[in-house]
């Protein structure tokens, strides 16, 4: 049975708590200071991390050293990604990470890969991304936009122009467009709330049972969906 500790008890932390309760998963604690959490308890728990980029950078070694497994929902650390993955692998601590745990966004990513591949083969199309989020979001472009840009680059060989908008309390809207001389193709995902992110993170925590190594959520999601 999976037991969870939440690192970061802001709005996302509270939504993860509700998602855990809905699935009947035990929440051991929600901590704003994961570095001081009881290490003997941590060894039996999966940590779901929704903190700030600077917090994750300071704490990722603590997470890898002490927890049974870790689910990372924090973004803004892509520049040290190789370092983080290597550390978790060296410690033998399973980790699942994602810029966005929404099931819909992960399906969007798969669709973007297919469209980028075929339009790249056809030629004559230029890709772009527009992402919109609430005014409290610190990173811009979003981690999800960066991930989608990577998907386009990998499958089309072109770097999409990316625009970030911060307005109101939007949970998140991502549009990937392909502009041609004669037509335009757009793919859009709109989150109605952050609830979907929390539910996906809880699903990821359940996936850590019997898991080894470091994985991106979308890899495990599509593997289990076949």
Protein backbone atom coordinates (compact mmCIF):
# COMPACT_ATOMS: atom_id res chain seq x y z
CA UNK A 1 0.00 0.00 0.00
CA UNK A 2 1.39 3.37 -1.03
CA UNK A 3 1.85 5.99 1.68
CA UNK A 4 2.48 9.59 0.65
CA UNK A 5 4.21 12.67 2.00
CA UNK A 6 3.52 15.96 0.23
CA UNK A 7 6.41 18.39 -0.11
CA UNK A 8 4.93 21.87 -0.52
CA UNK A 9 1.54 22.62 0.99
CA UNK A 10 0.31 25.46 -1.18
CA UNK A 11 -2.64 25.31 -3.56
CA UNK A 12 -1.30 22.29 -5.41
CA UNK A 13 -0.43 20.54 -2.18
CA UNK A 14 -4.00 20.93 -0.96
CA UNK A 15 -5.34 19.58 -4.25
CA UNK A 16 -3.01 16.58 -4.05
CA UNK A 17 -4.33 15.97 -0.52
CA UNK A 18 -7.91 15.92 -1.85
CA UNK A 19 -6.94 13.62 -4.73
CA UNK A 20 -5.27 11.21 -2.32
CA UNK A 21 -8.40 11.13 -0.14
CA UNK A 22 -10.59 10.47 -3.18
CA UNK A 23 -8.48 7.43 -4.05
CA UNK A 24 -8.19 6.22 -0.47
CA UNK A 25 -4.41 6.68 -0.42
CA UNK A 26 -2.86 7.38 2.97
CA UNK A 27 -1.38 10.84 3.47
CA UNK A 28 1.26 10.61 6.18
CA UNK A 29 2.13 14.32 6.25
CA UNK A 30 2.25 17.53 4.26
CA UNK A 31 5.46 19.43 4.87
CA UNK A 32 6.71 22.90 4.01
CA UNK A 33 10.19 21.91 5.23
CA UNK A 34 10.97 18.50 3.76
CA UNK A 35 14.62 18.71 4.87
CA UNK A 36 13.56 18.29 8.50
CA UNK A 37 11.07 15.48 7.89
CA UNK A 38 11.57 12.29 9.92
CA UNK A 39 13.95 10.16 7.84
CA UNK A 40 12.81 6.87 9.37
CA UNK A 41 9.25 7.61 8.24
CA UNK A 42 10.38 8.85 4.83
CA UNK A 43 11.84 5.45 3.89
CA UNK A 44 8.33 4.00 3.82
CA UNK A 45 6.75 6.84 1.83
CA UNK A 46 6.47 8.27 -1.65
CA UNK A 47 7.10 12.01 -1.73
CA UNK A 48 5.02 14.14 -4.10
CA UNK A 49 6.90 17.39 -4.64
CA UNK A 50 5.04 20.54 -5.72
CA UNK A 51 7.31 23.30 -4.48
CA UNK A 52 9.30 26.10 -6.12
CA UNK A 53 12.25 25.65 -8.50
CA UNK A 54 14.73 26.95 -5.91
CA UNK A 55 13.29 24.63 -3.26
CA UNK A 56 13.57 21.54 -5.45
CA UNK A 57 17.12 22.47 -6.41
CA UNK A 58 18.03 22.69 -2.73
CA UNK A 59 16.17 19.53 -1.71
CA UNK A 60 16.42 16.97 -4.52
CA UNK A 61 19.36 15.17 -2.92
CA UNK A 62 17.45 15.00 0.37
CA UNK A 63 14.48 13.49 -1.47
CA UNK A 64 16.64 10.91 -3.25
CA UNK A 65 18.54 10.05 -0.06
CA UNK A 66 15.56 9.47 2.18
CA UNK A 67 12.30 8.59 0.41
CA UNK A 68 11.09 5.28 -0.99
CA UNK A 69 10.22 7.02 -4.28
CA UNK A 70 9.63 10.56 -5.50
CA UNK A 71 7.07 12.15 -7.83
CA UNK A 72 8.21 15.57 -9.03
CA UNK A 73 5.65 18.10 -10.20
CA UNK A 74 7.88 21.12 -9.71
CA UNK A 75 9.19 22.72 -12.91
CA UNK A 76 11.99 25.17 -13.62
CA UNK A 77 14.97 22.83 -13.11
CA UNK A 78 15.50 21.57 -16.64
CA UNK A 79 19.03 23.00 -16.74
CA UNK A 80 20.12 20.51 -14.02
CA UNK A 81 17.96 17.64 -15.28
CA UNK A 82 20.91 15.36 -16.11
CA UNK A 83 22.45 16.00 -12.70
CA UNK A 84 19.17 15.23 -10.91
CA UNK A 85 18.49 12.05 -12.87
CA UNK A 86 22.05 10.80 -12.32
CA UNK A 87 21.76 11.38 -8.58
CA UNK A 88 18.48 9.50 -8.26
CA UNK A 89 19.83 6.63 -10.34
CA UNK A 90 23.00 6.46 -8.26
CA UNK A 91 20.91 6.31 -5.08
CA UNK A 92 18.56 3.68 -6.54
CA UNK A 93 15.53 5.84 -5.72
CA UNK A 94 12.67 5.63 -8.25
CA UNK A 95 11.58 8.99 -9.58
CA UNK A 96 8.75 10.04 -11.88
CA UNK A 97 8.84 13.58 -13.23
CA UNK A 98 6.69 15.65 -15.55
CA UNK A 99 6.16 19.26 -16.50
CA UNK A 100 2.43 18.51 -16.44
CA UNK A 101 0.60 15.53 -14.91
CA UNK A 102 -2.67 16.22 -16.72
CA UNK A 103 -3.76 13.17 -18.69
CA UNK A 104 -5.08 15.49 -21.41
CA UNK A 105 -1.77 17.31 -21.77
CA UNK A 106 0.09 14.03 -22.13
CA UNK A 107 -2.29 12.96 -24.88
CA UNK A 108 -1.78 16.39 -26.47
CA UNK A 109 1.97 15.75 -26.48
CA UNK A 110 1.46 12.48 -28.35
CA UNK A 111 -0.81 14.20 -30.87
CA UNK A 112 1.70 17.03 -31.39
CA UNK A 113 4.43 14.48 -32.09
CA UNK A 114 2.34 12.87 -34.83
CA UNK A 115 1.26 16.17 -36.42
CA UNK A 116 4.78 17.62 -36.31
CA UNK A 117 6.18 14.53 -37.98
CA UNK A 118 3.73 14.54 -40.89
CA UNK A 119 3.77 18.30 -41.45
CA UNK A 120 7.55 18.24 -41.27
CA UNK A 121 7.60 15.65 -44.01
CA UNK A 122 5.18 17.71 -46.10
CA UNK A 123 7.18 20.92 -45.62
CA UNK A 124 6.00 24.51 -45.73
CA UNK A 125 4.75 24.79 -42.14
CA UNK A 126 6.11 26.86 -39.27
CA UNK A 127 5.32 25.82 -35.67
CA UNK A 128 4.46 28.07 -32.73
CA UNK A 129 3.27 27.72 -29.14
CA UNK A 130 1.13 30.06 -27.03
CA UNK A 131 0.71 29.28 -23.34
CA UNK A 132 -1.47 31.18 -20.85
CA UNK A 133 -1.36 30.88 -17.06
CA UNK A 134 -2.37 32.66 -13.88
CA UNK A 135 -0.41 35.70 -12.75
CA UNK A 136 1.17 33.78 -9.85
CA UNK A 137 3.13 31.40 -12.07
CA UNK A 138 6.84 32.09 -11.74
CA UNK A 139 8.38 30.45 -14.81
CA UNK A 140 7.74 31.61 -18.38
CA UNK A 141 7.49 29.88 -20.73
CA UNK A 142 5.90 27.10 -18.70
CA UNK A 143 7.59 23.73 -18.30
CA UNK A 144 4.79 22.22 -20.37
CA UNK A 145 5.42 24.68 -23.21
CA UNK A 146 9.11 23.81 -23.15
CA UNK A 147 8.28 20.10 -23.25
CA UNK A 148 5.91 20.59 -26.19
CA UNK A 149 8.57 22.64 -27.98
CA UNK A 150 10.96 19.73 -27.52
CA UNK A 151 8.41 17.37 -29.04
CA UNK A 152 8.03 19.63 -32.08
CA UNK A 153 11.80 19.99 -32.51
CA UNK A 154 12.36 16.24 -32.25
CA UNK A 155 9.68 15.34 -34.79
CA UNK A 156 9.78 18.32 -37.17
CA UNK A 157 13.31 19.63 -36.95
CA UNK A 158 12.08 23.18 -36.31
CA UNK A 159 12.09 25.28 -33.15
CA UNK A 160 8.64 26.76 -32.48
CA UNK A 161 8.30 30.43 -31.59
CA UNK A 162 6.84 30.45 -28.06
CA UNK A 163 4.79 33.13 -26.32
CA UNK A 164 3.83 33.22 -22.62
CA UNK A 165 0.83 35.12 -21.24
CA UNK A 166 0.23 35.70 -17.51
CA UNK A 167 -3.27 36.91 -16.74
CA UNK A 168 -5.98 36.39 -14.12
CA UNK A 169 -6.33 32.97 -12.49
CA UNK A 170 -6.10 30.73 -15.55
CA UNK A 171 -5.16 27.16 -14.65
CA UNK A 172 -3.39 26.69 -17.97
CA UNK A 173 -4.02 26.84 -21.71
CA UNK A 174 -1.52 25.47 -24.22
CA UNK A 175 -1.90 25.86 -27.98
CA UNK A 176 0.50 24.36 -30.51
CA UNK A 177 0.00 25.74 -34.02
CA UNK A 178 1.39 24.96 -37.45
CA UNK A 179 1.12 27.80 -39.94
CA UNK A 180 1.21 27.09 -43.68
CA UNK A 181 0.63 29.20 -46.77
CA UNK A 182 -2.81 27.73 -47.32
CA UNK A 183 -3.99 26.59 -43.91
CA UNK A 184 -3.34 26.46 -40.20
CA UNK A 185 -3.59 23.50 -37.83
CA UNK A 186 -3.90 24.08 -34.08
CA UNK A 187 -4.04 21.74 -31.10
CA UNK A 188 -5.20 23.18 -27.77
CA UNK A 189 -5.53 21.89 -24.24
CA UNK A 190 -7.31 23.93 -21.58
CA UNK A 191 -7.25 22.99 -17.92
CA UNK A 192 -10.41 24.04 -16.07
CA UNK A 193 -8.62 23.79 -12.72
CA UNK A 194 -5.45 22.37 -11.19
CA UNK A 195 -7.38 19.30 -10.07
CA UNK A 196 -6.27 17.29 -13.10
CA UNK A 197 -2.60 17.95 -12.29
CA UNK A 198 -3.10 16.66 -8.75
CA UNK A 199 -4.95 13.53 -9.87
CA UNK A 200 -2.20 12.72 -12.37
CA UNK A 201 0.47 13.13 -9.69
CA UNK A 202 -1.39 10.72 -7.41
CA UNK A 203 -1.64 8.25 -10.29
CA UNK A 204 2.13 8.58 -10.72
CA UNK A 205 2.65 7.88 -7.00
CA UNK A 206 0.69 4.65 -7.37
CA UNK A 207 2.87 3.73 -10.36
CA UNK A 208 5.99 3.78 -8.18
CA UNK A 209 5.07 0.44 -6.59
CA UNK A 210 7.64 -2.04 -7.89
CA UNK A 211 9.22 0.61 -10.11
CA UNK A 212 12.94 1.16 -10.54
CA UNK A 213 14.84 3.93 -12.25
CA UNK A 214 13.84 7.41 -13.41
CA UNK A 215 10.90 7.91 -15.78
CA UNK A 216 8.91 10.68 -17.37
CA UNK A 217 5.21 10.32 -16.54
CA UNK A 218 4.07 10.20 -20.15
CA UNK A 219 6.25 7.13 -20.81
CA UNK A 220 4.60 5.19 -18.00
CA UNK A 221 1.14 6.54 -18.79
CA UNK A 222 1.17 5.35 -22.39
CA UNK A 223 2.80 2.07 -21.43
CA UNK A 224 -0.04 1.34 -19.00
CA UNK A 225 -2.66 2.54 -21.50
CA UNK A 226 -1.81 0.04 -24.23
